[in-house]
Amino acid sequence: MRGLFEAGHELLGKEVVERGLSAVAPAIRARVAGAVPGEWIPIASAEETFRSIADAAERDWPALHVELARHTVERAYRTLWRMLLRLSSDSALVSRTPVIFGKSYNRGRLVASVLFSGRGEVELLDWADVPDWPIRGTQAGIETGLRIAGRRNVRVESKRTRTGASFHVTWR
């Protein structure tokens, strides 16, 4: 949550974010805006808050969510991590996806594998009827992490499954 708010301040301006927050019910606003690291926020509350921010910015809500998620990942990897990512193998990069997901959501689990050079599969399991928010965020995170690591032409396609979602990943 903190990262998304920081990205919102950087990309939209603090005034726009505050205007969006002011339109959210006080209890939800307090919980989401006051989130601290390690605290789980209900997805419905996060969605309501960021949808309101998108309205204040006169932006498409899903597109803004992806933009904020990408910006958050990029900011996280601006330091030494960027160089380390560039030196990592495809398998090492993809294998980190479940760990990052586990720090972001308290539900579901990811299983990731590289099928061969330039192609990977990531499965979200144990979350039937998963909301759009984690699917969009996971897709943006996978794409951005691989791109920052120097992979070119990264493409991540997602589809819902009976147990969650699947992500088909390609890159060069």
Protein backbone atom coordinates (compact mmCIF):
# COMPACT_ATOMS: atom_id res chain seq x y z
CA MET A 1 0.00 0.00 0.00
CA ARG A 2 2.71 2.45 0.95
CA GLY A 3 4.49 1.90 -2.35
CA LEU A 4 1.32 2.46 -4.34
CA PHE A 5 0.61 5.70 -2.48
CA GLU A 6 4.18 6.90 -3.05
CA ALA A 7 3.87 6.07 -6.75
CA GLY A 8 0.55 7.94 -6.84
CA HIS A 9 2.15 11.01 -5.27
CA GLU A 10 5.02 10.89 -7.79
CA LEU A 11 2.91 10.25 -10.90
CA LEU A 12 -0.36 12.05 -10.13
CA GLY A 13 0.59 14.59 -7.49
CA LYS A 14 -0.25 14.64 -3.81
CA GLU A 15 -3.30 16.86 -4.36
CA VAL A 16 -4.94 14.35 -6.72
CA VAL A 17 -4.27 11.45 -4.34
CA GLU A 18 -5.68 13.42 -1.40
CA ARG A 19 -8.75 14.39 -3.42
CA GLY A 20 -9.36 10.73 -4.25
CA LEU A 21 -8.84 9.71 -0.63
CA SER A 22 -11.32 12.31 0.59
CA ALA A 23 -14.10 10.60 -1.39
CA VAL A 24 -13.59 7.25 0.39
CA ALA A 25 -15.47 6.30 3.56
CA PRO A 26 -13.46 7.50 6.60
CA ALA A 27 -12.94 4.01 8.06
CA ILE A 28 -11.59 2.65 4.78
CA ARG A 29 -9.47 5.75 4.17
CA ALA A 30 -7.90 5.46 7.63
CA ARG A 31 -7.13 1.77 7.21
CA VAL A 32 -5.66 2.00 3.71
CA ALA A 33 -3.83 5.33 3.98
CA GLY A 34 -2.49 4.43 7.42
CA ALA A 35 -1.25 0.97 6.44
CA VAL A 36 2.15 -0.01 7.78
CA PRO A 37 4.55 -2.62 6.36
CA GLY A 38 3.36 -6.14 7.08
CA GLU A 39 -0.27 -5.14 7.64
CA TRP A 40 -2.85 -6.93 5.48
CA ILE A 41 -5.40 -4.64 3.86
CA PRO A 42 -8.62 -6.12 2.41
CA ILE A 43 -8.43 -6.04 -1.39
CA ALA A 44 -11.93 -4.53 -1.60
CA SER A 45 -10.73 -1.58 0.51
CA ALA A 46 -7.61 -1.09 -1.59
CA GLU A 47 -9.64 -1.28 -4.80
CA GLU A 48 -12.20 1.22 -3.56
CA THR A 49 -9.47 3.64 -2.53
CA PHE A 50 -7.47 3.45 -5.72
CA ARG A 51 -10.59 3.52 -7.89
CA SER A 52 -11.47 6.79 -6.16
CA ILE A 53 -7.96 8.11 -6.79
CA ALA A 54 -8.29 7.13 -10.47
CA ASP A 55 -11.60 9.03 -10.63
CA ALA A 56 -9.93 12.10 -9.11
CA ALA A 57 -7.16 11.83 -11.71
CA GLU A 58 -9.71 11.25 -14.49
CA ARG A 59 -7.88 8.04 -15.37
CA ASP A 60 -8.97 4.52 -16.25
CA TRP A 61 -8.85 2.54 -13.01
CA PRO A 62 -7.26 -0.76 -14.21
CA ALA A 63 -4.68 1.07 -16.36
CA LEU A 64 -3.73 3.31 -13.43
CA HIS A 65 -3.37 0.29 -11.14
CA VAL A 66 -0.92 -1.30 -13.59
CA GLU A 67 1.02 1.97 -13.96
CA LEU A 68 1.31 2.41 -10.18
CA ALA A 69 2.32 -1.25 -9.69
CA ARG A 70 5.04 -0.98 -12.35
CA HIS A 71 6.34 2.25 -10.87
CA THR A 72 6.45 0.66 -7.41
CA VAL A 73 8.51 -2.29 -8.67
CA GLU A 74 10.82 0.01 -10.63
CA ARG A 75 11.42 2.17 -7.56
CA ALA A 76 12.18 -0.92 -5.46
CA TYR A 77 14.88 -2.02 -7.92
CA ARG A 78 16.64 1.32 -8.54
CA THR A 79 19.50 0.48 -6.21
CA LEU A 80 22.02 -2.34 -6.16
CA TRP A 81 19.20 -4.77 -6.91
CA ARG A 82 19.10 -3.59 -10.53
CA MET A 83 22.67 -4.79 -11.16
CA LEU A 84 22.09 -8.04 -9.29
CA LEU A 85 18.95 -8.72 -11.33
CA ARG A 86 20.88 -8.24 -14.57
CA LEU A 87 23.33 -10.91 -13.43
CA SER A 88 20.62 -13.40 -12.43
CA SER A 89 19.62 -16.38 -14.54
CA ASP A 90 16.12 -16.64 -15.96
CA SER A 91 15.38 -19.45 -13.55
CA ALA A 92 16.53 -17.41 -10.54
CA LEU A 93 14.40 -14.44 -11.61
CA VAL A 94 11.24 -16.48 -12.11
CA SER A 95 11.77 -18.45 -8.90
CA ARG A 96 11.60 -15.19 -6.87
CA THR A 97 8.04 -14.48 -8.04
CA PRO A 98 6.35 -16.71 -5.41
CA VAL A 99 8.37 -15.10 -2.61
CA ILE A 100 7.38 -11.58 -3.63
CA PHE A 101 3.74 -12.65 -4.05
CA GLY A 102 3.76 -14.14 -0.54
CA LYS A 103 4.86 -10.79 0.89
CA SER A 104 2.08 -9.00 -0.98
CA TYR A 105 -0.93 -11.24 -0.34
CA ASN A 106 -2.05 -13.40 2.56
CA ARG A 107 -3.98 -15.72 0.32
CA GLY A 108 -3.11 -18.03 -2.55
CA ARG A 109 0.33 -19.17 -3.61
CA LEU A 110 2.38 -19.02 -6.78
CA VAL A 111 4.27 -21.83 -8.44
CA ALA A 112 6.73 -20.61 -11.08
CA SER A 113 8.94 -22.39 -13.57
CA VAL A 114 11.04 -21.68 -16.63
CA LEU A 115 9.99 -24.08 -19.37
CA PHE A 116 12.93 -23.17 -21.58
CA SER A 117 14.96 -20.05 -22.35
CA GLY A 118 12.55 -17.19 -22.92
CA ARG A 119 9.42 -18.91 -21.67
CA GLY A 120 8.00 -19.37 -18.18
CA GLU A 121 4.78 -20.34 -16.48
CA VAL A 122 3.45 -18.98 -13.21
CA GLU A 123 0.37 -20.49 -11.60
CA LEU A 124 -1.70 -18.84 -8.89
CA LEU A 125 -3.22 -21.64 -6.82
CA ASP A 126 -5.56 -21.89 -3.84
CA TRP A 127 -7.50 -18.73 -4.66
CA ALA A 128 -10.65 -19.60 -6.58
CA ASP A 129 -12.52 -16.45 -7.67
CA VAL A 130 -9.41 -14.31 -7.18
CA PRO A 131 -10.20 -10.59 -7.62
CA ASP A 132 -8.75 -8.66 -10.56
CA TRP A 133 -6.43 -6.64 -8.28
CA PRO A 134 -3.92 -9.46 -7.53
CA ILE A 135 -4.01 -10.70 -11.12
CA ARG A 136 -3.19 -7.23 -12.49
CA GLY A 137 -0.57 -6.59 -9.81
CA THR A 138 1.13 -9.96 -10.29
CA GLN A 139 1.16 -9.58 -14.06
CA ALA A 140 2.66 -6.07 -13.81
CA GLY A 141 5.22 -7.23 -11.25
CA ILE A 142 6.43 -10.17 -13.34
CA GLU A 143 6.70 -8.02 -16.47
CA THR A 144 8.47 -5.15 -14.75
CA GLY A 145 10.92 -7.34 -12.84
CA LEU A 146 12.02 -9.16 -15.98
CA ARG A 147 12.29 -5.91 -17.95
CA ILE A 148 14.41 -4.28 -15.22
CA ALA A 149 16.61 -7.39 -15.21
CA GLY A 150 17.42 -6.68 -18.84
CA ARG A 151 15.07 -9.10 -20.56
CA ARG A 152 13.64 -7.71 -23.80
CA ASN A 153 10.21 -8.04 -25.36
CA VAL A 154 8.70 -9.24 -22.09
CA ARG A 155 5.10 -10.29 -22.43
CA VAL A 156 2.88 -11.66 -19.67
CA GLU A 157 -0.58 -12.98 -20.45
CA SER A 158 -2.94 -14.02 -17.70
CA LYS A 159 -6.12 -16.03 -17.60
CA ARG A 160 -8.35 -17.15 -14.80
CA THR A 161 -8.38 -20.80 -13.83
CA ARG A 162 -10.56 -22.88 -11.56
CA THR A 163 -8.01 -22.54 -8.74
CA GLY A 164 -6.82 -18.96 -9.40
CA ALA A 165 -4.98 -17.79 -12.49
CA SER A 166 -2.16 -18.70 -14.85
CA PHE A 167 0.47 -16.39 -16.30
CA HIS A 168 2.28 -17.26 -19.52
CA VAL A 169 5.55 -15.35 -19.69
CA THR A 170 7.79 -14.82 -22.72
CA TRP A 171 10.94 -12.73 -23.17
CA ARG A 172 14.19 -12.49 -25.11
